[in-house]
């Protein structure tokens, strides 16, 4: 398995971001997506390295917080530029990362546990923009279960609930 210095990669990506540091799609979102993805991966058996890379790249090339249709494909292109320089993955895993970045806002699911885990990791953080994730729009069964529980949690408390209560209700 490849060794990836995620902290150094995160620093580089963040320093080379296109958006304002106060963005709703910035570092705190990336960290929550990583947390959500690793939580989901315990049940979906997704590739954790791909999930962590997705958390860093998926919104890294946004130009603003509004509708930005091409941000996912731009994030995938950025990953291509950094592959072999700041991180490496074999071709199959790298392809999953690219698809997850490119399609995370337009594809409901793919049937691939790793890509679908990436999609749900992002969707479970919709509470930051006052949107309650819809269980029917989640790509994994575990994502659906988590989103169902979030229906009864105040939207401002979604991140805290995921970080503290999800382990109690859904032990690993």
C-alpha atoms as a PDB file:
ATOM      1  CA  UNK A   1       0.000   0.000   0.000  1.00  0.00           C
ATOM      2  CA  UNK A   2       1.199   3.485  -0.833  1.00  0.00           C
ATOM      3  CA  UNK A   3       2.311   5.805   1.929  1.00  0.00           C
ATOM      4  CA  UNK A   4       0.600   9.184   1.778  1.00  0.00           C
ATOM      5  CA  UNK A   5       1.511  12.148   3.955  1.00  0.00           C
ATOM      6  CA  UNK A   6      -2.052  13.446   4.298  1.00  0.00           C
ATOM      7  CA  UNK A   7      -1.060  16.418   6.473  1.00  0.00           C
ATOM      8  CA  UNK A   8       1.474  17.693   3.921  1.00  0.00           C
ATOM      9  CA  UNK A   9      -0.975  17.068   1.088  1.00  0.00           C
ATOM     10  CA  UNK A  10      -3.741  18.926   2.913  1.00  0.00           C
ATOM     11  CA  UNK A  11      -1.429  21.885   3.545  1.00  0.00           C
ATOM     12  CA  UNK A  12      -0.451  22.052  -0.119  1.00  0.00           C
ATOM     13  CA  UNK A  13      -4.021  21.748  -1.416  1.00  0.00           C
ATOM     14  CA  UNK A  14      -5.295  24.334   1.054  1.00  0.00           C
ATOM     15  CA  UNK A  15      -2.521  26.790   0.209  1.00  0.00           C
ATOM     16  CA  UNK A  16      -3.370  26.404  -3.483  1.00  0.00           C
ATOM     17  CA  UNK A  17      -7.147  26.594  -3.159  1.00  0.00           C
ATOM     18  CA  UNK A  18      -9.166  28.895  -5.421  1.00  0.00           C
ATOM     19  CA  UNK A  19     -11.739  30.014  -2.814  1.00  0.00           C
ATOM     20  CA  UNK A  20     -11.752  32.272   0.226  1.00  0.00           C
ATOM     21  CA  UNK A  21     -10.595  30.735   3.506  1.00  0.00           C
ATOM     22  CA  UNK A  22     -14.028  31.464   5.029  1.00  0.00           C
ATOM     23  CA  UNK A  23     -15.752  29.279   2.454  1.00  0.00           C
ATOM     24  CA  UNK A  24     -18.512  26.856   3.437  1.00  0.00           C
ATOM     25  CA  UNK A  25     -16.571  24.360   1.320  1.00  0.00           C
ATOM     26  CA  UNK A  26     -13.254  24.877   3.098  1.00  0.00           C
ATOM     27  CA  UNK A  27     -11.095  23.128   5.620  1.00  0.00           C
ATOM     28  CA  UNK A  28     -13.743  22.430   8.271  1.00  0.00           C
ATOM     29  CA  UNK A  29     -15.919  20.851   5.567  1.00  0.00           C
ATOM     30  CA  UNK A  30     -12.987  18.768   4.281  1.00  0.00           C
ATOM     31  CA  UNK A  31     -12.327  17.524   7.807  1.00  0.00           C
ATOM     32  CA  UNK A  32     -15.978  16.623   8.346  1.00  0.00           C
ATOM     33  CA  UNK A  33     -16.155  14.827   5.004  1.00  0.00           C
ATOM     34  CA  UNK A  34     -13.069  12.842   5.990  1.00  0.00           C
ATOM     35  CA  UNK A  35     -14.626  11.975   9.356  1.00  0.00           C
ATOM     36  CA  UNK A  36     -17.937  11.013   7.727  1.00  0.00           C
ATOM     37  CA  UNK A  37     -16.157   8.936   5.115  1.00  0.00           C
ATOM     38  CA  UNK A  38     -14.100   7.010   7.645  1.00  0.00           C
ATOM     39  CA  UNK A  39     -17.229   6.451   9.741  1.00  0.00           C
ATOM     40  CA  UNK A  40     -19.075   5.119   6.700  1.00  0.00           C
ATOM     41  CA  UNK A  41     -16.109   3.023   5.571  1.00  0.00           C
ATOM     42  CA  UNK A  42     -16.323   0.945   8.750  1.00  0.00           C
ATOM     43  CA  UNK A  43     -19.624  -0.430   7.413  1.00  0.00           C
ATOM     44  CA  UNK A  44     -19.207  -0.054   3.624  1.00  0.00           C
ATOM     45  CA  UNK A  45     -15.638  -1.400   3.522  1.00  0.00           C
ATOM     46  CA  UNK A  46     -14.626   1.473   1.263  1.00  0.00           C
ATOM     47  CA  UNK A  47     -10.969   2.168   0.516  1.00  0.00           C
ATOM     48  CA  UNK A  48     -10.051   4.600   3.298  1.00  0.00           C
ATOM     49  CA  UNK A  49      -7.145   6.184   1.408  1.00  0.00           C
ATOM     50  CA  UNK A  50      -9.427   7.056  -1.517  1.00  0.00           C
ATOM     51  CA  UNK A  51     -12.058   8.415   0.889  1.00  0.00           C
ATOM     52  CA  UNK A  52      -9.465  10.617   2.628  1.00  0.00           C
ATOM     53  CA  UNK A  53      -8.130  11.887  -0.704  1.00  0.00           C
ATOM     54  CA  UNK A  54     -11.664  12.629  -1.863  1.00  0.00           C
ATOM     55  CA  UNK A  55     -12.219  14.751   1.245  1.00  0.00           C
ATOM     56  CA  UNK A  56      -9.249  16.893   0.244  1.00  0.00           C
ATOM     57  CA  UNK A  57      -9.799  17.165  -3.501  1.00  0.00           C
ATOM     58  CA  UNK A  58     -13.575  17.179  -4.050  1.00  0.00           C
ATOM     59  CA  UNK A  59     -14.113  20.902  -3.309  1.00  0.00           C
ATOM     60  CA  UNK A  60     -10.507  22.084  -3.568  1.00  0.00           C
ATOM     61  CA  UNK A  61     -11.011  23.829  -6.894  1.00  0.00           C
ATOM     62  CA  UNK A  62     -14.246  25.651  -6.148  1.00  0.00           C
ATOM     63  CA  UNK A  63     -14.184  29.292  -7.125  1.00  0.00           C
ATOM     64  CA  UNK A  64     -16.996  30.294  -4.763  1.00  0.00           C
ATOM     65  CA  UNK A  65     -19.677  28.856  -2.484  1.00  0.00           C
ATOM     66  CA  UNK A  66     -22.491  29.245  -5.013  1.00  0.00           C
ATOM     67  CA  UNK A  67     -23.391  26.961  -7.884  1.00  0.00           C
ATOM     68  CA  UNK A  68     -20.113  25.862  -9.447  1.00  0.00           C
ATOM     69  CA  UNK A  69     -20.898  23.014 -11.808  1.00  0.00           C
ATOM     70  CA  UNK A  70     -17.303  22.288 -12.809  1.00  0.00           C
ATOM     71  CA  UNK A  71     -15.684  22.261  -9.353  1.00  0.00           C
ATOM     72  CA  UNK A  72     -15.663  18.457  -9.125  1.00  0.00           C
ATOM     73  CA  UNK A  73     -13.970  17.929 -12.495  1.00  0.00           C
ATOM     74  CA  UNK A  74     -11.478  20.682 -11.613  1.00  0.00           C
ATOM     75  CA  UNK A  75     -10.744  18.890  -8.322  1.00  0.00           C
ATOM     76  CA  UNK A  76     -10.136  15.675 -10.264  1.00  0.00           C
ATOM     77  CA  UNK A  77      -7.738  17.508 -12.604  1.00  0.00           C
ATOM     78  CA  UNK A  78      -5.884  18.907  -9.586  1.00  0.00           C
ATOM     79  CA  UNK A  79      -5.519  15.350  -8.257  1.00  0.00           C
ATOM     80  CA  UNK A  80      -4.048  14.338 -11.627  1.00  0.00           C
ATOM     81  CA  UNK A  81      -1.509  17.160 -11.365  1.00  0.00           C
ATOM     82  CA  UNK A  82      -0.402  16.104  -7.873  1.00  0.00           C
ATOM     83  CA  UNK A  83      -0.362  12.342  -8.433  1.00  0.00           C
ATOM     84  CA  UNK A  84       3.187  11.075  -8.436  1.00  0.00           C
ATOM     85  CA  UNK A  85       4.405  14.296  -6.835  1.00  0.00           C
ATOM     86  CA  UNK A  86       2.636  14.580  -3.480  1.00  0.00           C
ATOM     87  CA  UNK A  87       0.815  11.234  -3.395  1.00  0.00           C
ATOM     88  CA  UNK A  88       0.424   8.086  -5.415  1.00  0.00           C
ATOM     89  CA  UNK A  89      -2.241   5.458  -5.942  1.00  0.00           C
ATOM     90  CA  UNK A  90      -2.453   2.530  -8.318  1.00  0.00           C
ATOM     91  CA  UNK A  91      -4.529   3.141 -11.446  1.00  0.00           C
ATOM     92  CA  UNK A  92      -7.707   1.394 -10.247  1.00  0.00           C
ATOM     93  CA  UNK A  93      -7.900   3.294  -6.958  1.00  0.00           C
ATOM     94  CA  UNK A  94      -6.945   6.559  -8.636  1.00  0.00           C
ATOM     95  CA  UNK A  95      -9.765   6.109 -11.152  1.00  0.00           C
ATOM     96  CA  UNK A  96     -12.219   5.759  -8.252  1.00  0.00           C
ATOM     97  CA  UNK A  97     -10.933   9.014  -6.759  1.00  0.00           C
ATOM     98  CA  UNK A  98     -11.374  10.804 -10.081  1.00  0.00           C
ATOM     99  CA  UNK A  99     -14.920   9.516 -10.566  1.00  0.00           C
ATOM    100  CA  UNK A 100     -15.878  10.420  -6.989  1.00  0.00           C
ATOM    101  CA  UNK A 101     -14.594  13.980  -7.443  1.00  0.00           C
ATOM    102  CA  UNK A 102     -16.087  14.432 -10.917  1.00  0.00           C
ATOM    103  CA  UNK A 103     -19.530  13.028 -10.103  1.00  0.00           C
ATOM    104  CA  UNK A 104     -20.154  13.834  -6.418  1.00  0.00           C
ATOM    105  CA  UNK A 105     -22.766  16.511  -7.146  1.00  0.00           C
ATOM    106  CA  UNK A 106     -24.416  14.982 -10.202  1.00  0.00           C
ATOM    107  CA  UNK A 107     -24.527  11.210  -9.749  1.00  0.00           C
ATOM    108  CA  UNK A 108     -26.829   9.652  -7.129  1.00  0.00           C
ATOM    109  CA  UNK A 109     -24.777   6.438  -6.843  1.00  0.00           C
ATOM    110  CA  UNK A 110     -22.447   4.207  -8.812  1.00  0.00           C
ATOM    111  CA  UNK A 111     -22.705   0.828  -7.098  1.00  0.00           C
ATOM    112  CA  UNK A 112     -19.044   1.029  -6.108  1.00  0.00           C
ATOM    113  CA  UNK A 113     -18.726   1.050  -2.290  1.00  0.00           C
ATOM    114  CA  UNK A 114     -15.742   3.414  -2.266  1.00  0.00           C
ATOM    115  CA  UNK A 115     -17.173   5.988  -4.664  1.00  0.00           C
ATOM    116  CA  UNK A 116     -20.605   5.830  -3.024  1.00  0.00           C
ATOM    117  CA  UNK A 117     -19.015   6.260   0.406  1.00  0.00           C
ATOM    118  CA  UNK A 118     -17.339   9.420  -0.884  1.00  0.00           C
ATOM    119  CA  UNK A 119     -20.687  10.728  -2.151  1.00  0.00           C
ATOM    120  CA  UNK A 120     -22.397  10.077   1.194  1.00  0.00           C
ATOM    121  CA  UNK A 121     -19.505  11.507   3.218  1.00  0.00           C
ATOM    122  CA  UNK A 122     -20.090  14.824   1.466  1.00  0.00           C
ATOM    123  CA  UNK A 123     -23.899  14.647   1.614  1.00  0.00           C
ATOM    124  CA  UNK A 124     -23.872  13.976   5.357  1.00  0.00           C
ATOM    125  CA  UNK A 125     -22.362  17.447   5.848  1.00  0.00           C
ATOM    126  CA  UNK A 126     -25.234  19.328   4.207  1.00  0.00           C
ATOM    127  CA  UNK A 127     -26.303  20.530   7.647  1.00  0.00           C
ATOM    128  CA  UNK A 128     -23.569  23.201   7.442  1.00  0.00           C
ATOM    129  CA  UNK A 129     -25.765  24.917   4.822  1.00  0.00           C
ATOM    130  CA  UNK A 130     -29.013  24.200   6.715  1.00  0.00           C
ATOM    131  CA  UNK A 131     -30.016  21.239   4.560  1.00  0.00           C
ATOM    132  CA  UNK A 132     -31.034  17.980   6.204  1.00  0.00           C
ATOM    133  CA  UNK A 133     -29.649  15.064   4.163  1.00  0.00           C
ATOM    134  CA  UNK A 134     -32.408  13.065   2.476  1.00  0.00           C
ATOM    135  CA  UNK A 135     -32.035   9.347   3.234  1.00  0.00           C
ATOM    136  CA  UNK A 136     -33.414   8.529  -0.226  1.00  0.00           C
ATOM    137  CA  UNK A 137     -30.596  10.489  -1.846  1.00  0.00           C
ATOM    138  CA  UNK A 138     -27.836   8.628  -0.045  1.00  0.00           C
ATOM    139  CA  UNK A 139     -25.783   6.137  -2.040  1.00  0.00           C
ATOM    140  CA  UNK A 140     -25.035   3.550   0.684  1.00  0.00           C
ATOM    141  CA  UNK A 141     -27.268   1.672   3.083  1.00  0.00           C
ATOM    142  CA  UNK A 142     -25.320   2.992   6.062  1.00  0.00           C
ATOM    143  CA  UNK A 143     -25.534   6.521   4.669  1.00  0.00           C
ATOM    144  CA  UNK A 144     -29.317   6.088   4.489  1.00  0.00           C
ATOM    145  CA  UNK A 145     -29.403   4.978   8.136  1.00  0.00           C
ATOM    146  CA  UNK A 146     -27.313   7.925   9.294  1.00  0.00           C
ATOM    147  CA  UNK A 147     -29.362  10.391   7.258  1.00  0.00           C
ATOM    148  CA  UNK A 148     -32.573   8.904   8.715  1.00  0.00           C
ATOM    149  CA  UNK A 149     -31.292   9.544  12.241  1.00  0.00           C
ATOM    150  CA  UNK A 150     -30.294  13.111  11.289  1.00  0.00           C
ATOM    151  CA  UNK A 151     -33.945  13.840  10.477  1.00  0.00           C
ATOM    152  CA  UNK A 152     -34.531  14.186  14.232  1.00  0.00           C
ATOM    153  CA  UNK A 153     -31.415  16.255  14.998  1.00  0.00           C
ATOM    154  CA  UNK A 154     -31.393  20.066  14.761  1.00  0.00           C
ATOM    155  CA  UNK A 155     -29.481  20.938  11.600  1.00  0.00           C
ATOM    156  CA  UNK A 156     -26.864  22.944  13.504  1.00  0.00           C
ATOM    157  CA  UNK A 157     -26.105  19.821  15.545  1.00  0.00           C
ATOM    158  CA  UNK A 158     -25.483  17.385  12.692  1.00  0.00           C
ATOM    159  CA  UNK A 159     -21.692  17.460  12.907  1.00  0.00           C
ATOM    160  CA  UNK A 160     -21.695  16.994  16.668  1.00  0.00           C
ATOM    161  CA  UNK A 161     -24.227  14.157  16.442  1.00  0.00           C
ATOM    162  CA  UNK A 162     -22.156  12.371  13.805  1.00  0.00           C
ATOM    163  CA  UNK A 163     -19.008  12.763  15.898  1.00  0.00           C
ATOM    164  CA  UNK A 164     -20.519  11.714  19.219  1.00  0.00           C
ATOM    165  CA  UNK A 165     -23.811   9.828  18.890  1.00  0.00           C
ATOM    166  CA  UNK A 166     -23.449   7.828  15.682  1.00  0.00           C
ATOM    167  CA  UNK A 167     -20.997   5.457  17.420  1.00  0.00           C
ATOM    168  CA  UNK A 168     -23.500   4.757  20.186  1.00  0.00           C
ATOM    169  CA  UNK A 169     -26.398   4.059  17.851  1.00  0.00           C
ATOM    170  CA  UNK A 170     -24.314   2.247  15.202  1.00  0.00           C
ATOM    171  CA  UNK A 171     -21.343   0.618  16.974  1.00  0.00           C
ATOM    172  CA  UNK A 172     -18.528  -0.522  14.742  1.00  0.00           C
END
